[in-house]
Amino acid sequence: MSTYAVTDPATGEVVATYPTATDAEISDAVTAASNAASWVRSTSVTDRAELIRKVGALHHERREQLADIIVREMGKPRDEALGEVDFCTAIYDFYADNAETFLADEPVKLLEGEGEAVITRGPIGVLLGIMPWNFPYYQVARFAGPNLIVGNTILLKHAPQCPESALALQQIFLDAGFAEGAYVDIRATNEQAATIIADPRVAAVSLTGSERAGAAVAEVAGRNLKKVVLELGGSDPFILLSSDDLDATVDSAVAARLDNTGQACNAAKRFIVADDLYDPFLEKFTAKMLAAADGIAPLSSERAAQGLEQQVARAVEEGAHLASGGERRGAFYPPAVLTNVRPGTDAYHQELFGPVAIVHRVADEDEAVSVANDTPFGLGSYLFTTDRDQAQRVAAKIEAGMVFINGVGAEGAELPFGGIKRSGFGRELGRFGIEEFINKKMIRTVG
C-alpha cells in the first residue's frame, strides 16, 4: 500500500491516496533530470531567472488554491498558509532580481605572472531535494528557486503526507516554462531515495527533516562522495534579560512558540528568563499560551500529537510542572507550558514539536548563555534586552546559526537560514543559499 496519502488532520479522513513510484519510474525521472542538462546549456542565467519570476507570479495567482491544499494536508492555519505562499513569491522574486549579480564572474588578483584569472559559477548537475511536511511550499522555494537559476536540475521527494501540494508545485514549474525534467516530483520510498543518491548522474542532495533522516542521507551521500546540505531539528532559545514593555515581549514569545502550531524547526521552544522578570513573564506567558487553546489548529497528524503527548507525560514523570490548556483530541494538542525541567531529564534536551513551551529561570546573563547553549541543537535563537551592548555581547556567545535580537518572525528571502551542531550544516536563502551547489570554476589565462 502506498504511504503517499492526504489525511486531513482535523478529521482524520483519508482524502486521497497516490501510488508510490515504481523503480522504473524513478529511473525515468533521474534520466529526465539528467537529460534536461541540454536545456540548461541552451539558456542563460537571465532566461532562467525570468522563469523563476513566473513561478513566483503563479504562486501569487494560485495562492488561494495552494493554501487550501496545505490546510487539508497538514492542518496549517489558513492565514499562515496564505502567508507561506506569499513568502515563496518573495523568495522567487529575490533570486530573479539578484541571480545575475550573485553568479557573476569574479576576477582574481594575481600575486605574480602575466595574464588573468577568473572564477565562474555554474551548475553541478542533478540535485535531489528531500523536503518535509511542515512548510510544503517554502521549503521547496528556498531549495529549487536558486538552484534552477544556477542551471541545476531538480528531483523533489516531498513528505508522504504532501502529495497534492507536490503535484501542484510541479505543475507550476511546467506552466512557468521550465523544460520537462528540469523539476521532477517523485513519490519515492526511503530505499529508492538512497538509490537515487548513489546514482552517478546525481550530484548532490539537500534534506530538511529529522536528525535520523539527516544522518541516514549523509551516510549514503558520504559513501558516494556527494555533497549534502542538511537542515534538521532545533530547540531554539528565547532569552529574556530585560524589557521596557513586558506585554509586548510576551506577545512575541507566544508568537514565536505557536508559529505553525509549534511545528517549526526554528520556533522558540525554550524560554530562558532573568530572575527579576521570571514571575511576571511566566504568569502572563502562561495565560496567553493557554488562552490560545480556543481555535488552535491541529498538529500535522494524530500520530504527531500522540508523540508530543508522550514527551510531555514523560517530562511530568521526571518532575516537571505542567500548565495545560486541556486534553488531546485526535490531532488537536492544547498549548501547554512546562517549568522545573531539570538537566538530565529527557525533555531538557529534546525538541518538542508542537505548542508546548519550556520556561527556565536564570540568575544572570552568564547563566542564560550557558542554558541556551546546553543543547545538542544550534539552529536559531531569540534575544530580548534593552541593553544594546549586552545584545551584541550575548549574540556573539550563542551557539547557533541565527540570532534574532528583539524580534520574532523577522526571516527574509535575503537572510541566510541554517544551523550548526545537530541542526545540520549548509545554508539556504540569501546570497549564501545560491552558493551551495555550484561549480566555482577557476580559469587562468597566462600571457
Protein backbone atom coordinates (compact mmCIF):
# COMPACT_ATOMS: atom_id res chain seq x y z
CA MET A 1 0.00 0.00 0.00
CA SER A 2 1.28 3.49 -0.85
CA THR A 3 2.44 5.71 2.00
CA TYR A 4 1.58 8.80 -0.05
CA ALA A 5 -1.83 9.98 1.10
CA VAL A 6 -3.67 13.15 2.05
CA THR A 7 -5.14 12.68 5.51
CA ASP A 8 -6.97 15.70 6.88
CA PRO A 9 -5.62 16.02 10.45
CA ALA A 10 -8.71 17.97 11.54
CA THR A 11 -10.98 15.00 10.84
CA GLY A 12 -8.68 12.01 10.38
CA GLU A 13 -10.30 11.41 6.99
CA VAL A 14 -8.12 9.98 4.22
CA VAL A 15 -8.95 12.38 1.41
CA ALA A 16 -6.87 10.79 -1.36
CA THR A 17 -4.11 8.27 -1.91
CA TYR A 18 -1.36 8.34 -4.52
CA PRO A 19 0.77 5.45 -5.79
CA THR A 20 4.40 5.23 -4.78
CA ALA A 21 6.71 5.36 -7.78
CA THR A 22 7.95 2.12 -9.28
CA ASP A 23 11.68 1.56 -9.69
CA ALA A 24 11.23 2.07 -13.42
CA GLU A 25 9.51 5.42 -12.84
CA ILE A 26 12.33 6.51 -10.54
CA SER A 27 14.89 5.56 -13.19
CA ASP A 28 12.96 7.51 -15.81
CA ALA A 29 12.85 10.54 -13.51
CA VAL A 30 16.62 10.53 -13.00
CA THR A 31 17.10 10.15 -16.75
CA ALA A 32 14.78 13.07 -17.46
CA ALA A 33 16.59 15.32 -14.97
CA SER A 34 19.94 14.32 -16.40
CA ASN A 35 18.81 14.90 -19.98
CA ALA A 36 17.47 18.35 -19.05
CA ALA A 37 21.10 19.47 -18.87
CA SER A 38 20.85 20.06 -22.62
CA TRP A 39 18.10 22.59 -21.93
CA VAL A 40 20.31 24.27 -19.36
CA ARG A 41 23.10 24.67 -21.93
CA SER A 42 20.71 26.44 -24.29
CA THR A 43 19.55 29.01 -21.72
CA SER A 44 21.22 31.78 -19.76
CA VAL A 45 21.03 32.87 -16.13
CA THR A 46 18.80 35.72 -17.30
CA ASP A 47 16.46 33.30 -19.09
CA ARG A 48 16.16 31.02 -16.08
CA ALA A 49 15.72 33.95 -13.69
CA GLU A 50 12.70 35.10 -15.69
CA LEU A 51 11.20 31.62 -15.49
CA ILE A 52 11.65 31.67 -11.73
CA ARG A 53 9.92 35.05 -11.65
CA LYS A 54 6.99 33.39 -13.44
CA VAL A 55 6.99 30.64 -10.78
CA GLY A 56 6.59 33.35 -8.14
CA ALA A 57 3.81 35.01 -10.12
CA LEU A 58 1.95 31.70 -10.43
CA HIS A 59 2.21 31.22 -6.66
CA HIS A 60 0.55 34.60 -6.24
CA GLU A 61 -2.08 33.83 -8.87
CA ARG A 62 -2.93 30.45 -7.30
CA ARG A 63 -2.42 31.41 -3.65
CA GLU A 64 -5.96 30.53 -2.53
CA GLN A 65 -5.85 27.09 -4.12
CA LEU A 66 -2.35 26.42 -2.81
CA ALA A 67 -3.34 27.47 0.70
CA ASP A 68 -6.40 25.21 0.66
CA ILE A 69 -4.20 22.24 -0.20
CA ILE A 70 -1.84 22.53 2.75
CA VAL A 71 -4.64 23.28 5.20
CA ARG A 72 -6.06 19.94 4.11
CA GLU A 73 -2.73 18.09 4.02
CA MET A 74 -1.09 19.13 7.28
CA GLY A 75 -3.55 21.31 9.18
CA LYS A 76 -1.81 24.65 8.74
CA PRO A 77 -3.94 27.62 9.85
CA ARG A 78 -5.26 29.22 6.68
CA ASP A 79 -3.83 32.68 7.28
CA GLU A 80 -0.42 31.11 7.82
CA ALA A 81 -0.88 29.01 4.67
CA LEU A 82 -1.53 32.16 2.65
CA GLY A 83 1.48 33.80 4.29
CA GLU A 84 3.66 30.84 3.31
CA VAL A 85 2.62 31.13 -0.33
CA ASP A 86 3.33 34.87 -0.28
CA PHE A 87 6.78 34.28 1.23
CA CYS A 88 7.53 31.87 -1.62
CA THR A 89 6.70 34.59 -4.13
CA ALA A 90 9.14 36.91 -2.33
CA ILE A 91 11.87 34.23 -2.46
CA TYR A 92 11.45 33.59 -6.16
CA ASP A 93 11.42 37.33 -6.88
CA PHE A 94 14.54 37.85 -4.75
CA TYR A 95 16.55 35.31 -6.71
CA ALA A 96 15.18 36.53 -10.04
CA ASP A 97 16.27 40.06 -9.13
CA ASN A 98 19.73 39.16 -7.82
CA ALA A 99 20.91 35.98 -9.54
CA GLU A 100 22.99 37.69 -12.21
CA THR A 101 24.88 39.60 -9.54
CA PHE A 102 25.33 36.54 -7.33
CA LEU A 103 26.54 34.38 -10.24
CA ALA A 104 28.71 36.96 -11.99
CA ASP A 105 32.30 36.08 -12.91
CA GLU A 106 34.77 37.09 -10.20
CA PRO A 107 38.28 38.23 -11.17
CA VAL A 108 41.17 37.01 -9.04
CA LYS A 109 44.10 39.37 -8.47
CA LEU A 110 47.29 37.52 -9.37
CA LEU A 111 50.22 37.62 -6.99
CA GLU A 112 52.71 37.15 -9.81
CA GLY A 113 52.91 36.38 -13.51
CA GLU A 114 51.14 37.78 -16.53
CA GLY A 115 47.62 37.20 -17.72
CA GLU A 116 44.46 36.90 -15.70
CA ALA A 117 42.32 34.56 -13.63
CA VAL A 118 38.59 34.45 -13.07
CA ILE A 119 36.13 32.38 -11.07
CA THR A 120 32.98 31.39 -12.95
CA ARG A 121 29.89 29.99 -11.26
CA GLY A 122 27.90 27.25 -12.93
CA PRO A 123 25.75 24.18 -12.28
CA ILE A 124 26.94 20.84 -10.95
CA GLY A 125 24.07 18.72 -12.31
CA VAL A 126 21.10 16.86 -10.90
CA LEU A 127 20.12 17.60 -7.29
CA LEU A 128 17.86 15.54 -5.06
CA GLY A 129 15.75 17.51 -2.61
CA ILE A 130 14.08 15.68 0.28
CA MET A 131 11.56 18.01 1.87
CA PRO A 132 9.31 17.86 4.97
CA TRP A 133 5.60 18.42 5.56
CA ASN A 134 5.61 21.45 7.84
CA PHE A 135 6.23 24.11 5.16
CA PRO A 136 5.39 22.32 1.90
CA TYR A 137 5.92 25.30 -0.42
CA TYR A 138 8.51 27.38 1.42
CA GLN A 139 10.97 24.51 1.78
CA VAL A 140 10.84 23.91 -1.96
CA ALA A 141 11.17 27.60 -2.85
CA ARG A 142 14.40 28.12 -0.95
CA PHE A 143 15.94 24.98 -2.50
CA ALA A 144 14.60 24.88 -6.05
CA GLY A 145 14.45 28.60 -6.77
CA PRO A 146 18.17 29.45 -6.65
CA ASN A 147 19.34 26.09 -7.97
CA LEU A 148 17.19 26.17 -11.09
CA ILE A 149 18.54 29.62 -11.89
CA VAL A 150 22.09 28.28 -11.47
CA GLY A 151 21.19 25.58 -14.00
CA ASN A 152 20.99 22.55 -11.75
CA THR A 153 18.01 20.28 -12.31
CA ILE A 154 15.79 19.08 -9.51
CA LEU A 155 14.37 15.77 -8.32
CA LEU A 156 11.98 16.58 -5.47
CA LYS A 157 10.86 13.98 -2.95
CA HIS A 158 8.22 15.52 -0.76
CA ALA A 159 6.84 14.16 2.52
CA PRO A 160 4.40 11.27 2.03
CA GLN A 161 1.55 13.32 3.50
CA CYS A 162 2.01 16.12 0.95
CA PRO A 163 1.46 14.53 -2.49
CA GLU A 164 -1.18 17.05 -3.55
CA SER A 165 0.95 20.12 -2.88
CA ALA A 166 3.89 18.36 -4.51
CA LEU A 167 1.92 17.86 -7.73
CA ALA A 168 0.65 21.44 -7.63
CA LEU A 169 4.24 22.67 -7.44
CA GLN A 170 5.42 20.51 -10.33
CA GLN A 171 2.59 21.90 -12.44
CA ILE A 172 3.63 25.45 -11.57
CA PHE A 173 7.18 24.85 -12.77
CA LEU A 174 5.91 23.34 -16.01
CA ASP A 175 3.39 26.15 -16.53
CA ALA A 176 6.15 28.70 -15.94
CA GLY A 177 8.03 27.28 -18.92
CA PHE A 178 10.68 25.03 -17.41
CA ALA A 179 11.64 22.12 -19.65
CA GLU A 180 10.48 18.58 -18.93
CA GLY A 181 12.98 17.13 -16.47
CA ALA A 182 14.15 20.42 -15.02
CA TYR A 183 11.90 19.91 -11.99
CA VAL A 184 10.52 16.42 -11.36
CA ASP A 185 8.30 15.38 -8.46
CA ILE A 186 8.98 11.83 -7.29
CA ARG A 187 6.94 9.77 -4.82
CA ALA A 188 9.90 7.68 -3.74
CA THR A 189 10.41 5.34 -0.81
CA ASN A 190 13.38 5.84 1.51
CA GLU A 191 15.11 2.90 -0.19
CA GLN A 192 14.56 4.44 -3.61
CA ALA A 193 15.90 7.75 -2.33
CA ALA A 194 19.10 6.01 -1.26
CA THR A 195 19.41 4.51 -4.75
CA ILE A 196 18.95 7.96 -6.30
CA ILE A 197 21.70 9.43 -4.11
CA ALA A 198 24.05 6.65 -5.21
CA ASP A 199 23.27 7.18 -8.90
CA PRO A 200 26.37 8.68 -10.58
CA ARG A 201 24.14 11.10 -12.55
CA VAL A 202 23.04 12.76 -9.28
CA ALA A 203 25.50 15.36 -8.00
CA ALA A 204 24.24 16.27 -4.52
CA VAL A 205 21.35 16.15 -2.08
CA SER A 206 19.59 18.60 0.23
CA LEU A 207 17.40 17.41 3.09
CA THR A 208 15.23 19.23 5.58
CA GLY A 209 13.93 16.87 8.23
CA SER A 210 14.75 14.92 11.36
CA GLU A 211 18.17 14.10 12.79
CA ARG A 212 17.61 10.43 11.97
CA ALA A 213 16.75 11.17 8.34
CA GLY A 214 19.69 13.56 8.06
CA ALA A 215 22.14 11.00 9.41
CA ALA A 216 20.84 8.33 7.02
CA VAL A 217 21.07 10.63 3.99
CA ALA A 218 24.51 11.94 4.95
CA GLU A 219 25.78 8.37 5.34
CA VAL A 220 24.69 7.37 1.85
CA ALA A 221 25.93 10.64 0.37
CA GLY A 222 29.29 10.25 2.09
CA ARG A 223 29.79 6.73 0.78
CA ASN A 224 29.14 8.04 -2.72
CA LEU A 225 31.17 11.26 -2.37
CA LYS A 226 28.17 13.53 -2.81
CA LYS A 227 27.80 16.94 -1.23
CA VAL A 228 24.86 17.31 1.17
CA VAL A 229 23.10 20.23 2.84
CA LEU A 230 21.12 19.37 5.98
CA GLU A 231 18.58 21.49 7.84
CA LEU A 232 17.49 19.42 10.81
CA GLY A 233 15.80 19.98 14.15
CA GLY A 234 16.11 22.80 16.62
CA SER A 235 15.34 23.67 20.21
CA ASP A 236 15.79 27.41 19.85
CA PRO A 237 16.24 29.50 22.99
CA PHE A 238 14.27 32.68 23.64
CA ILE A 239 16.41 34.65 26.09
CA LEU A 240 14.78 37.49 28.04
CA LEU A 241 17.20 39.64 30.02
CA SER A 242 15.32 42.96 30.18
CA SER A 243 12.25 44.60 28.68
CA ASP A 244 10.67 48.05 28.64
CA ASP A 245 7.31 46.55 27.54
CA LEU A 246 6.76 43.12 29.05
CA ASP A 247 3.33 42.66 27.49
CA ALA A 248 4.78 43.17 24.01
CA THR A 249 7.65 40.81 24.81
CA VAL A 250 5.18 38.16 25.97
CA ASP A 251 3.23 38.58 22.74
CA SER A 252 6.44 37.99 20.80
CA ALA A 253 7.21 34.93 22.90
CA VAL A 254 3.78 33.41 22.28
CA ALA A 255 4.02 34.11 18.56
CA ALA A 256 7.48 32.54 18.46
CA ARG A 257 6.20 29.36 20.11
CA LEU A 258 2.91 28.97 18.25
CA ASP A 259 4.12 29.63 14.71
CA ASN A 260 2.74 26.80 12.54
CA THR A 261 1.11 25.41 15.72
CA GLY A 262 4.59 25.00 17.17
CA GLN A 263 5.76 22.82 14.27
CA ALA A 264 8.72 24.83 13.01
CA CYS A 265 12.35 23.83 13.39
CA ASN A 266 13.31 27.41 14.21
CA ALA A 267 10.41 28.16 16.52
CA ALA A 268 11.35 29.34 20.02
CA LYS A 269 10.97 26.32 22.29
CA ARG A 270 12.98 27.11 25.45
CA PHE A 271 12.26 30.40 27.23
CA ILE A 272 15.19 31.48 29.38
CA VAL A 273 14.18 34.36 31.64
CA ALA A 274 16.22 36.52 34.01
CA ASP A 275 15.27 36.10 37.66
CA ASP A 276 13.76 39.56 38.15
CA LEU A 277 11.38 39.09 35.19
CA TYR A 278 10.64 35.40 35.61
CA ASP A 279 7.49 35.52 37.75
CA PRO A 280 5.63 38.25 35.84
CA PHE A 281 6.71 36.78 32.50
CA LEU A 282 5.62 33.26 33.44
CA GLU A 283 2.22 34.46 34.64
CA LYS A 284 1.48 36.50 31.51
CA PHE A 285 3.03 33.99 29.12
CA THR A 286 1.17 31.01 30.57
CA ALA A 287 -2.14 32.86 30.48
CA LYS A 288 -1.72 33.78 26.80
CA MET A 289 -0.50 30.32 25.83
CA LEU A 290 -3.42 28.55 27.47
CA ALA A 291 -5.91 31.06 26.07
CA ALA A 292 -4.71 30.10 22.58
CA ALA A 293 -6.35 26.69 23.03
CA ASP A 294 -9.55 28.20 21.66
CA GLY A 295 -9.23 27.92 17.91
CA ILE A 296 -5.90 26.05 17.92
CA ALA A 297 -5.19 24.23 14.67
CA PRO A 298 -4.47 20.50 14.67
CA LEU A 299 -0.97 19.15 14.51
CA SER A 300 0.05 17.50 11.26
CA SER A 301 -1.37 14.13 12.30
CA GLU A 302 -2.81 12.26 15.25
CA ARG A 303 0.45 10.34 15.45
CA ALA A 304 2.36 13.61 15.88
CA ALA A 305 0.01 14.69 18.67
CA GLN A 306 0.37 11.33 20.40
CA GLY A 307 4.16 11.60 20.27
CA LEU A 308 4.10 15.07 21.82
CA GLU A 309 1.67 13.85 24.49
CA GLN A 310 4.10 11.09 25.42
CA GLN A 311 7.01 13.53 25.67
CA VAL A 312 5.05 15.83 27.96
CA ALA A 313 3.89 12.93 30.14
CA ARG A 314 7.48 11.77 30.50
CA ALA A 315 8.59 15.29 31.48
CA VAL A 316 5.97 15.36 34.24
CA GLU A 317 7.06 11.92 35.44
CA GLU A 318 10.58 13.31 35.75
CA GLY A 319 9.47 16.23 37.91
CA ALA A 320 8.35 18.98 35.53
CA HIS A 321 5.30 21.10 36.32
CA LEU A 322 2.66 21.26 33.59
CA ALA A 323 0.18 24.06 32.93
CA SER A 324 -2.09 22.84 30.14
CA GLY A 325 -4.94 24.22 28.07
CA GLY A 326 -6.81 20.92 28.07
CA GLU A 327 -6.64 17.35 26.78
CA ARG A 328 -5.51 16.00 23.42
CA ARG A 329 -8.36 15.32 20.96
CA GLY A 330 -7.19 13.39 17.95
CA ALA A 331 -4.58 15.56 16.22
CA PHE A 332 -5.50 18.59 18.34
CA TYR A 333 -2.98 19.17 21.12
CA PRO A 334 -3.67 22.07 23.52
CA PRO A 335 -0.98 24.67 24.25
CA ALA A 336 0.99 23.97 27.39
CA VAL A 337 3.83 25.34 29.50
CA LEU A 338 6.42 23.22 31.32
CA THR A 339 8.53 24.52 34.19
CA ASN A 340 11.04 22.84 36.51
CA VAL A 341 12.54 20.92 33.60
CA ARG A 342 15.92 19.92 35.00
CA PRO A 343 19.22 18.96 33.36
CA GLY A 344 19.46 15.21 32.93
CA THR A 345 15.77 14.72 32.17
CA ASP A 346 14.60 13.76 28.68
CA ALA A 347 12.70 16.97 27.99
CA TYR A 348 15.69 19.15 28.82
CA HIS A 349 17.45 18.17 25.60
CA GLN A 350 14.54 17.11 23.39
CA GLU A 351 12.82 19.07 20.66
CA LEU A 352 9.10 19.42 21.46
CA PHE A 353 7.43 19.78 18.06
CA GLY A 354 4.11 21.35 18.91
CA PRO A 355 2.53 24.09 21.06
CA VAL A 356 4.44 23.27 24.28
CA ALA A 357 6.93 25.71 25.80
CA ILE A 358 9.62 25.11 28.42
CA VAL A 359 10.42 28.07 30.71
CA HIS A 360 13.69 28.30 32.65
CA ARG A 361 14.67 30.78 35.39
CA VAL A 362 18.28 32.04 35.30
CA ALA A 363 20.21 34.30 37.64
CA ASP A 364 22.07 36.43 35.12
CA GLU A 365 23.45 36.85 31.61
CA ASP A 366 26.14 34.19 32.00
CA GLU A 367 23.70 31.55 33.19
CA ALA A 368 21.31 32.47 30.37
CA VAL A 369 24.03 31.85 27.78
CA SER A 370 25.00 28.60 29.49
CA VAL A 371 21.44 27.26 29.44
CA ALA A 372 20.89 28.45 25.88
CA ASN A 373 23.96 26.58 24.66
CA ASP A 374 23.26 23.44 26.69
CA THR A 375 21.52 21.71 23.80
CA PRO A 376 22.55 19.35 21.02
CA PHE A 377 20.93 21.74 18.54
CA GLY A 378 22.10 25.03 17.11
CA LEU A 379 19.61 26.38 14.58
CA GLY A 380 18.14 29.75 15.59
CA SER A 381 17.81 31.84 18.74
CA TYR A 382 16.00 34.90 20.05
CA LEU A 383 17.37 37.51 22.43
CA PHE A 384 15.40 40.29 24.12
CA THR A 385 17.19 43.03 26.02
CA THR A 386 17.11 46.83 26.28
CA ASP A 387 20.91 46.97 26.56
CA ARG A 388 22.50 47.32 23.09
CA ASP A 389 25.98 46.35 24.28
CA GLN A 390 24.58 43.32 26.07
CA ALA A 391 22.68 42.30 22.94
CA GLN A 392 25.84 42.20 20.84
CA ARG A 393 27.85 40.54 23.62
CA VAL A 394 25.33 37.75 24.18
CA ALA A 395 24.65 37.24 20.47
CA ALA A 396 28.34 36.58 19.93
CA LYS A 397 28.27 33.84 22.59
CA ILE A 398 25.17 31.97 21.41
CA GLU A 399 25.99 28.73 19.60
CA ALA A 400 23.54 28.88 16.72
CA GLY A 401 23.37 29.64 13.02
CA MET A 402 20.98 32.56 13.52
CA VAL A 403 20.31 35.14 16.26
CA PHE A 404 17.31 37.49 16.21
CA ILE A 405 17.51 40.42 18.63
CA ASN A 406 14.30 41.99 19.98
CA GLY A 407 12.07 40.49 17.31
CA VAL A 408 10.45 37.32 16.02
CA GLY A 409 9.17 36.42 12.58
CA ALA A 410 11.96 38.51 11.06
CA GLU A 411 13.17 35.97 8.50
CA GLY A 412 13.57 37.19 4.94
CA ALA A 413 14.46 35.93 1.49
CA GLU A 414 17.74 37.85 1.71
CA LEU A 415 18.78 36.34 5.07
CA PRO A 416 20.70 33.04 5.16
CA PHE A 417 18.98 30.21 7.02
CA GLY A 418 20.78 27.27 8.64
CA GLY A 419 22.38 25.93 11.78
CA ILE A 420 25.28 24.17 13.47
CA LYS A 421 25.73 21.16 15.74
CA ARG A 422 22.92 18.60 15.32
CA SER A 423 20.80 21.14 13.48
CA GLY A 424 22.80 20.39 10.35
CA PHE A 425 25.10 22.32 8.04
CA GLY A 426 24.94 24.45 4.93
CA ARG A 427 22.78 27.49 4.26
CA GLU A 428 19.67 28.31 2.29
CA LEU A 429 18.26 31.69 1.25
CA GLY A 430 20.20 34.89 0.65
CA ARG A 431 23.45 35.02 -1.29
CA PHE A 432 24.83 32.05 0.64
CA GLY A 433 21.92 29.84 -0.38
CA ILE A 434 22.73 30.09 -4.09
CA GLU A 435 26.39 29.25 -3.40
CA GLU A 436 25.86 25.73 -2.01
CA PHE A 437 25.53 23.71 -5.22
CA ILE A 438 27.66 25.49 -7.79
CA ASN A 439 30.92 24.78 -9.56
CA LYS A 440 33.27 27.64 -8.74
CA LYS A 441 35.48 27.06 -11.75
CA MET A 442 38.85 28.80 -11.88
CA ILE A 443 40.01 29.83 -15.36
CA ARG A 444 43.63 31.03 -15.58
CA THR A 445 44.93 32.68 -18.74
CA VAL A 446 48.72 33.02 -18.95
CA GLY A 447 50.38 35.69 -21.08
